[in-house]
Amino acid sequence: MLINLVFDFYTDVIDVPDEIGSQIEKYQKKCDKWLFNKLNDHEYWEKDEYGNKIGIGICSDAFVCWLNNFVLNDSEQKAFIVKENVQEYDSSFPTLFY
């Protein structure tokens, strides 16, 4: 199932298994909870000159990575990015806003 991930100035389109797509907002919330938890040491943290975690570089890579590693870990089906930096998106797809 194709999903739009809308950021401030662009949209990425990802493909996820239908059972994930039908509950995509639930998974967005779970991913955000993981992503913003300072106890999690992932590659998406923005750090200051001292190495302190100060923010998140929100991107479709983070959401797809989280889905594949935590939700679809034991599944043959995986999420993946179909298109990046789309200026106009198909509003008939489910859409998440960041």
C-alpha atoms as a PDB file:
ATOM      1  CA  MET A   1       0.000   0.000   0.000  1.00  0.00           C
ATOM      2  CA  LEU A   2       1.380   3.400  -0.937  1.00  0.00           C
ATOM      3  CA  ILE A   3       1.569   6.036   1.800  1.00  0.00           C
ATOM      4  CA  ASN A   4       2.429   9.745   1.529  1.00  0.00           C
ATOM      5  CA  LEU A   5       4.802  11.159   4.143  1.00  0.00           C
ATOM      6  CA  VAL A   6       4.373  14.928   3.953  1.00  0.00           C
ATOM      7  CA  PHE A   7       7.159  17.094   5.380  1.00  0.00           C
ATOM      8  CA  ASP A   8       7.368  20.895   5.339  1.00  0.00           C
ATOM      9  CA  PHE A   9       8.444  21.356   1.731  1.00  0.00           C
ATOM     10  CA  TYR A  10       8.235  17.949   0.100  1.00  0.00           C
ATOM     11  CA  THR A  11       6.578  14.556   0.198  1.00  0.00           C
ATOM     12  CA  ASP A  12       8.024  11.061   0.093  1.00  0.00           C
ATOM     13  CA  VAL A  13       5.992   8.035  -0.946  1.00  0.00           C
ATOM     14  CA  ILE A  14       6.601   4.738   0.787  1.00  0.00           C
ATOM     15  CA  ASP A  15       5.206   1.267   0.187  1.00  0.00           C
ATOM     16  CA  VAL A  16       4.155  -0.837   3.174  1.00  0.00           C
ATOM     17  CA  PRO A  17       2.307  -4.145   3.528  1.00  0.00           C
ATOM     18  CA  ASP A  18      -1.469  -3.651   3.517  1.00  0.00           C
ATOM     19  CA  GLU A  19      -1.880  -4.693   7.162  1.00  0.00           C
ATOM     20  CA  ILE A  20       0.522  -1.900   8.161  1.00  0.00           C
ATOM     21  CA  GLY A  21      -1.042   0.654   5.809  1.00  0.00           C
ATOM     22  CA  SER A  22      -4.523   0.071   7.188  1.00  0.00           C
ATOM     23  CA  GLN A  23      -3.273   1.201  10.626  1.00  0.00           C
ATOM     24  CA  ILE A  24      -0.560   3.619   9.521  1.00  0.00           C
ATOM     25  CA  GLU A  25      -1.385   6.368  12.052  1.00  0.00           C
ATOM     26  CA  LYS A  26      -0.958   3.899  14.916  1.00  0.00           C
ATOM     27  CA  TYR A  27       2.483   2.979  13.590  1.00  0.00           C
ATOM     28  CA  GLN A  28       3.429   6.628  13.109  1.00  0.00           C
ATOM     29  CA  LYS A  29       2.728   7.290  16.803  1.00  0.00           C
ATOM     30  CA  LYS A  30       4.745   4.255  17.894  1.00  0.00           C
ATOM     31  CA  CYS A  31       7.650   5.213  15.656  1.00  0.00           C
ATOM     32  CA  ASP A  32       7.618   8.798  16.921  1.00  0.00           C
ATOM     33  CA  LYS A  33       7.701   7.545  20.513  1.00  0.00           C
ATOM     34  CA  TRP A  34      10.793   5.448  19.688  1.00  0.00           C
ATOM     35  CA  LEU A  35      12.398   8.167  17.588  1.00  0.00           C
ATOM     36  CA  PHE A  36      12.132  10.908  20.240  1.00  0.00           C
ATOM     37  CA  ASN A  37      13.121   8.734  23.215  1.00  0.00           C
ATOM     38  CA  LYS A  38      16.577  10.010  24.211  1.00  0.00           C
ATOM     39  CA  LEU A  39      17.421   6.570  25.601  1.00  0.00           C
ATOM     40  CA  ASN A  40      17.397   5.176  22.059  1.00  0.00           C
ATOM     41  CA  ASP A  41      20.721   5.514  20.319  1.00  0.00           C
ATOM     42  CA  HIS A  42      19.805   5.669  16.640  1.00  0.00           C
ATOM     43  CA  GLU A  43      21.356   7.472  13.701  1.00  0.00           C
ATOM     44  CA  TYR A  44      18.627  10.099  13.355  1.00  0.00           C
ATOM     45  CA  TRP A  45      19.675  12.302  16.286  1.00  0.00           C
ATOM     46  CA  GLU A  46      20.999  15.769  15.586  1.00  0.00           C
ATOM     47  CA  LYS A  47      23.761  16.535  18.076  1.00  0.00           C
ATOM     48  CA  ASP A  48      25.451  19.681  19.328  1.00  0.00           C
ATOM     49  CA  GLU A  49      29.205  20.206  19.257  1.00  0.00           C
ATOM     50  CA  TYR A  50      29.489  18.258  22.548  1.00  0.00           C
ATOM     51  CA  GLY A  51      27.615  15.215  21.266  1.00  0.00           C
ATOM     52  CA  ASN A  52      24.412  15.957  23.191  1.00  0.00           C
ATOM     53  CA  LYS A  53      21.172  14.909  21.510  1.00  0.00           C
ATOM     54  CA  ILE A  54      19.297  18.092  20.615  1.00  0.00           C
ATOM     55  CA  GLY A  55      16.758  17.097  17.982  1.00  0.00           C
ATOM     56  CA  ILE A  56      15.661  14.642  15.371  1.00  0.00           C
ATOM     57  CA  GLY A  57      16.256  14.692  11.657  1.00  0.00           C
ATOM     58  CA  ILE A  58      12.764  13.507  10.736  1.00  0.00           C
ATOM     59  CA  CYS A  59      12.775  11.659   7.446  1.00  0.00           C
ATOM     60  CA  SER A  60      11.094   8.797   5.676  1.00  0.00           C
ATOM     61  CA  ASP A  61      14.282   6.740   6.152  1.00  0.00           C
ATOM     62  CA  ALA A  62      13.687   6.721   9.914  1.00  0.00           C
ATOM     63  CA  PHE A  63      10.075   5.552   9.582  1.00  0.00           C
ATOM     64  CA  VAL A  64      10.929   2.839   7.040  1.00  0.00           C
ATOM     65  CA  CYS A  65      13.895   1.679   9.126  1.00  0.00           C
ATOM     66  CA  TRP A  66      11.754   1.484  12.262  1.00  0.00           C
ATOM     67  CA  LEU A  67       8.983  -0.435  10.455  1.00  0.00           C
ATOM     68  CA  ASN A  68      11.436  -2.945   8.993  1.00  0.00           C
ATOM     69  CA  ASN A  69      13.413  -3.478  12.203  1.00  0.00           C
ATOM     70  CA  PHE A  70      10.654  -3.429  14.815  1.00  0.00           C
ATOM     71  CA  VAL A  71       7.353  -4.258  13.128  1.00  0.00           C
ATOM     72  CA  LEU A  72       8.297  -6.273  10.042  1.00  0.00           C
ATOM     73  CA  ASN A  73      11.454  -7.829  11.466  1.00  0.00           C
ATOM     74  CA  ASP A  74      10.235 -11.408  11.001  1.00  0.00           C
ATOM     75  CA  SER A  75       8.238 -10.714   7.846  1.00  0.00           C
ATOM     76  CA  GLU A  76       9.308 -11.381   4.283  1.00  0.00           C
ATOM     77  CA  GLN A  77       7.455  -8.212   3.300  1.00  0.00           C
ATOM     78  CA  LYS A  78       9.306  -4.977   4.005  1.00  0.00           C
ATOM     79  CA  ALA A  79       8.567  -1.267   3.759  1.00  0.00           C
ATOM     80  CA  PHE A  80      10.527   0.786   1.255  1.00  0.00           C
ATOM     81  CA  ILE A  81      10.723   4.257  -0.205  1.00  0.00           C
ATOM     82  CA  VAL A  82       9.162   4.532  -3.666  1.00  0.00           C
ATOM     83  CA  LYS A  83       9.708   8.238  -4.421  1.00  0.00           C
ATOM     84  CA  GLU A  84      11.467  11.083  -2.646  1.00  0.00           C
ATOM     85  CA  ASN A  85      11.024  14.848  -2.803  1.00  0.00           C
ATOM     86  CA  VAL A  86       7.691  14.769  -4.611  1.00  0.00           C
ATOM     87  CA  GLN A  87       6.179  18.238  -4.947  1.00  0.00           C
ATOM     88  CA  GLU A  88       2.599  17.102  -5.643  1.00  0.00           C
ATOM     89  CA  TYR A  89       1.267  13.864  -4.239  1.00  0.00           C
ATOM     90  CA  ASP A  90      -1.701  11.607  -4.876  1.00  0.00           C
ATOM     91  CA  SER A  91      -4.193  12.524  -2.166  1.00  0.00           C
ATOM     92  CA  SER A  92      -6.037   9.230  -2.641  1.00  0.00           C
ATOM     93  CA  PHE A  93      -3.181   7.513  -0.734  1.00  0.00           C
ATOM     94  CA  PRO A  94      -3.224   7.545   3.062  1.00  0.00           C
ATOM     95  CA  THR A  95      -1.176  10.533   4.196  1.00  0.00           C
ATOM     96  CA  LEU A  96       0.913  11.211   7.287  1.00  0.00           C
ATOM     97  CA  PHE A  97       1.967  14.755   8.125  1.00  0.00           C
ATOM     98  CA  TYR A  98       5.219  15.614   9.882  1.00  0.00           C
END
